[in-house]
Amino acid sequence: METKSPVLGYVLIGIGAVLAAIGLIWGVVVGFYASDLPLLLGLLAVGAGLLWFGQRLSQAAKRSNVERRIADRDATEQ
């Protein structure tokens, strides 16, 4: 399936950034108990994973759009 719109990637980046920010604020500013460490690490890992995956999706959509425009341009030149 070719992704044509980078919107889904941007949404995942936004959600991942919010989760990572919550984890960073909780871990650095507020503080945490040792029993909260797995939850905190999970929150940070999920946030980082969504950031990474969202970036990959948005870049794939942009690349797909550029390749389609190049193919359209080449088709009209012939």
N, C-alpha and C. Protein backbone atom coordinates (compact mmCIF):
# COMPACT_ATOMS: atom_id res chain seq x y z
N MET A 1 0.83 -1.18 0.00
CA MET A 1 0.00 0.00 0.00
C MET A 1 0.88 1.24 0.00
N GLU A 2 0.69 2.11 -0.96
CA GLU A 2 1.45 3.35 -1.02
C GLU A 2 0.75 4.42 -0.21
N THR A 3 1.49 5.10 0.61
CA THR A 3 0.94 6.18 1.41
C THR A 3 1.03 7.46 0.58
N LYS A 4 -0.10 8.15 0.41
CA LYS A 4 -0.11 9.35 -0.40
C LYS A 4 -0.16 10.62 0.44
N SER A 5 -0.56 10.51 1.69
CA SER A 5 -0.67 11.68 2.54
C SER A 5 0.21 11.48 3.79
N PRO A 6 0.99 12.49 4.14
CA PRO A 6 1.83 12.37 5.33
C PRO A 6 1.10 12.67 6.63
N VAL A 7 -0.22 12.85 6.58
CA VAL A 7 -0.99 13.26 7.76
C VAL A 7 -0.90 12.21 8.88
N LEU A 8 -1.03 10.93 8.53
CA LEU A 8 -0.95 9.88 9.55
C LEU A 8 0.40 9.92 10.26
N GLY A 9 1.45 10.13 9.50
CA GLY A 9 2.78 10.25 10.10
C GLY A 9 2.87 11.42 11.06
N TYR A 10 2.28 12.56 10.65
CA TYR A 10 2.31 13.73 11.52
C TYR A 10 1.50 13.50 12.80
N VAL A 11 0.38 12.79 12.69
CA VAL A 11 -0.43 12.48 13.87
C VAL A 11 0.35 11.59 14.83
N LEU A 12 1.01 10.56 14.29
CA LEU A 12 1.80 9.67 15.15
C LEU A 12 2.97 10.42 15.78
N ILE A 13 3.59 11.32 15.03
CA ILE A 13 4.68 12.12 15.60
C ILE A 13 4.16 12.97 16.75
N GLY A 14 2.99 13.56 16.58
CA GLY A 14 2.40 14.38 17.65
C GLY A 14 2.10 13.57 18.89
N ILE A 15 1.50 12.40 18.72
CA ILE A 15 1.18 11.54 19.86
C ILE A 15 2.45 11.07 20.54
N GLY A 16 3.44 10.67 19.75
CA GLY A 16 4.71 10.22 20.31
C GLY A 16 5.43 11.33 21.06
N ALA A 17 5.37 12.54 20.52
CA ALA A 17 6.01 13.67 21.20
C ALA A 17 5.34 13.96 22.53
N VAL A 18 4.01 13.88 22.56
CA VAL A 18 3.29 14.12 23.82
C VAL A 18 3.66 13.06 24.85
N LEU A 19 3.68 11.79 24.43
CA LEU A 19 4.04 10.72 25.38
C LEU A 19 5.47 10.86 25.87
N ALA A 20 6.39 11.16 24.96
CA ALA A 20 7.78 11.33 25.37
C ALA A 20 7.94 12.53 26.30
N ALA A 21 7.22 13.62 26.02
CA ALA A 21 7.30 14.80 26.89
C ALA A 21 6.74 14.50 28.27
N ILE A 22 5.64 13.78 28.33
CA ILE A 22 5.08 13.40 29.63
C ILE A 22 6.08 12.54 30.40
N GLY A 23 6.68 11.58 29.71
CA GLY A 23 7.67 10.72 30.37
C GLY A 23 8.87 11.50 30.86
N LEU A 24 9.35 12.44 30.04
CA LEU A 24 10.51 13.25 30.47
C LEU A 24 10.17 14.15 31.64
N ILE A 25 9.02 14.77 31.60
CA ILE A 25 8.62 15.65 32.71
C ILE A 25 8.43 14.83 33.98
N TRP A 26 7.80 13.67 33.84
CA TRP A 26 7.58 12.83 35.01
C TRP A 26 8.92 12.32 35.56
N GLY A 27 9.81 11.92 34.69
CA GLY A 27 11.07 11.36 35.15
C GLY A 27 12.07 12.37 35.65
N VAL A 28 12.10 13.57 35.08
CA VAL A 28 13.12 14.54 35.41
C VAL A 28 12.62 15.60 36.40
N VAL A 29 11.44 16.13 36.15
CA VAL A 29 10.96 17.25 36.96
C VAL A 29 10.20 16.76 38.19
N VAL A 30 9.21 15.91 37.99
CA VAL A 30 8.34 15.48 39.08
C VAL A 30 9.03 14.45 39.97
N GLY A 31 9.71 13.52 39.35
CA GLY A 31 10.34 12.43 40.08
C GLY A 31 9.45 11.21 40.10
N PHE A 32 10.04 10.07 40.41
CA PHE A 32 9.29 8.82 40.38
C PHE A 32 9.84 7.87 41.43
N TYR A 33 8.97 6.93 41.84
CA TYR A 33 9.39 5.88 42.75
C TYR A 33 9.97 4.73 41.94
N ALA A 34 10.73 3.88 42.59
CA ALA A 34 11.33 2.74 41.91
C ALA A 34 10.27 1.82 41.32
N SER A 35 9.12 1.73 41.95
CA SER A 35 8.05 0.87 41.44
C SER A 35 7.43 1.45 40.16
N ASP A 36 7.60 2.75 39.92
CA ASP A 36 7.08 3.39 38.71
C ASP A 36 8.02 3.29 37.53
N LEU A 37 9.23 2.81 37.72
CA LEU A 37 10.24 2.78 36.67
C LEU A 37 9.80 2.01 35.43
N PRO A 38 9.21 0.80 35.55
CA PRO A 38 8.77 0.11 34.31
C PRO A 38 7.73 0.90 33.53
N LEU A 39 6.81 1.54 34.22
CA LEU A 39 5.79 2.35 33.55
C LEU A 39 6.43 3.56 32.87
N LEU A 40 7.35 4.20 33.54
CA LEU A 40 8.03 5.35 32.99
C LEU A 40 8.85 4.97 31.76
N LEU A 41 9.60 3.89 31.84
CA LEU A 41 10.39 3.43 30.70
C LEU A 41 9.51 3.00 29.54
N GLY A 42 8.38 2.36 29.85
CA GLY A 42 7.43 1.98 28.81
C GLY A 42 6.85 3.19 28.11
N LEU A 43 6.51 4.22 28.89
CA LEU A 43 5.97 5.45 28.33
C LEU A 43 6.99 6.11 27.39
N LEU A 44 8.23 6.18 27.84
CA LEU A 44 9.28 6.76 27.00
C LEU A 44 9.53 5.92 25.75
N ALA A 45 9.52 4.60 25.90
CA ALA A 45 9.77 3.73 24.75
C ALA A 45 8.65 3.82 23.72
N VAL A 46 7.41 3.83 24.18
CA VAL A 46 6.28 3.95 23.25
C VAL A 46 6.31 5.31 22.57
N GLY A 47 6.61 6.36 23.30
CA GLY A 47 6.71 7.70 22.71
C GLY A 47 7.80 7.76 21.66
N ALA A 48 8.97 7.20 21.97
CA ALA A 48 10.07 7.20 21.00
C ALA A 48 9.74 6.34 19.79
N GLY A 49 9.08 5.21 20.02
CA GLY A 49 8.69 4.35 18.90
C GLY A 49 7.70 5.02 17.97
N LEU A 50 6.72 5.72 18.55
CA LEU A 50 5.76 6.44 17.72
C LEU A 50 6.41 7.60 16.96
N LEU A 51 7.35 8.29 17.60
CA LEU A 51 8.09 9.33 16.91
C LEU A 51 8.83 8.76 15.71
N TRP A 52 9.53 7.66 15.91
CA TRP A 52 10.30 7.04 14.84
C TRP A 52 9.39 6.55 13.71
N PHE A 53 8.32 5.84 14.07
CA PHE A 53 7.43 5.27 13.05
C PHE A 53 6.68 6.38 12.30
N GLY A 54 6.25 7.41 13.00
CA GLY A 54 5.58 8.52 12.35
C GLY A 54 6.49 9.24 11.38
N GLN A 55 7.75 9.41 11.76
CA GLN A 55 8.72 10.04 10.86
C GLN A 55 8.92 9.20 9.62
N ARG A 56 9.00 7.89 9.79
CA ARG A 56 9.17 7.00 8.64
C ARG A 56 7.96 7.07 7.70
N LEU A 57 6.75 7.10 8.27
CA LEU A 57 5.55 7.19 7.44
C LEU A 57 5.48 8.50 6.67
N SER A 58 5.78 9.60 7.33
CA SER A 58 5.70 10.89 6.64
C SER A 58 6.76 11.00 5.56
N GLN A 59 7.96 10.49 5.81
CA GLN A 59 9.00 10.52 4.78
C GLN A 59 8.64 9.62 3.61
N ALA A 60 8.04 8.46 3.87
CA ALA A 60 7.62 7.56 2.79
C ALA A 60 6.54 8.21 1.94
N ALA A 61 5.62 8.93 2.58
CA ALA A 61 4.56 9.60 1.82
C ALA A 61 5.14 10.72 0.96
N LYS A 62 6.05 11.49 1.51
CA LYS A 62 6.68 12.55 0.73
C LYS A 62 7.45 11.97 -0.46
N ARG A 63 8.19 10.91 -0.21
CA ARG A 63 8.97 10.27 -1.28
C ARG A 63 8.04 9.72 -2.36
N SER A 64 6.94 9.12 -1.96
CA SER A 64 5.97 8.58 -2.91
C SER A 64 5.37 9.69 -3.77
N ASN A 65 5.04 10.82 -3.14
CA ASN A 65 4.48 11.94 -3.89
C ASN A 65 5.49 12.50 -4.89
N VAL A 66 6.75 12.60 -4.49
CA VAL A 66 7.78 13.10 -5.40
C VAL A 66 7.98 12.14 -6.56
N GLU A 67 8.03 10.85 -6.28
CA GLU A 67 8.20 9.86 -7.35
C GLU A 67 7.02 9.89 -8.32
N ARG A 68 5.81 10.08 -7.80
CA ARG A 68 4.63 10.16 -8.66
C ARG A 68 4.68 11.40 -9.55
N ARG A 69 5.11 12.54 -8.97
CA ARG A 69 5.23 13.76 -9.77
C ARG A 69 6.28 13.63 -10.86
N ILE A 70 7.39 12.97 -10.55
CA ILE A 70 8.43 12.75 -11.55
C ILE A 70 7.90 11.86 -12.67
N ALA A 71 7.19 10.81 -12.30
CA ALA A 71 6.62 9.90 -13.32
C ALA A 71 5.61 10.64 -14.18
N ASP A 72 4.78 11.49 -13.58
CA ASP A 72 3.81 12.27 -14.36
C ASP A 72 4.51 13.25 -15.30
N ARG A 73 5.56 13.87 -14.81
CA ARG A 73 6.32 14.82 -15.63
C ARG A 73 6.95 14.10 -16.81
N ASP A 74 7.56 12.94 -16.56
CA ASP A 74 8.20 12.18 -17.63
C ASP A 74 7.18 11.68 -18.65
N ALA A 75 5.97 11.34 -18.18
CA ALA A 75 4.94 10.86 -19.08
C ALA A 75 4.44 11.99 -19.99
N THR A 76 4.36 13.21 -19.48
CA THR A 76 3.89 14.32 -20.31
C THR A 76 4.95 14.81 -21.29
N GLU A 77 6.23 14.59 -20.97
CA GLU A 77 7.30 15.02 -21.88
C GLU A 77 7.42 14.13 -23.09
N GLN A 78 6.95 12.91 -23.02
CA GLN A 78 7.11 11.97 -24.14
C GLN A 78 6.05 12.09 -25.16
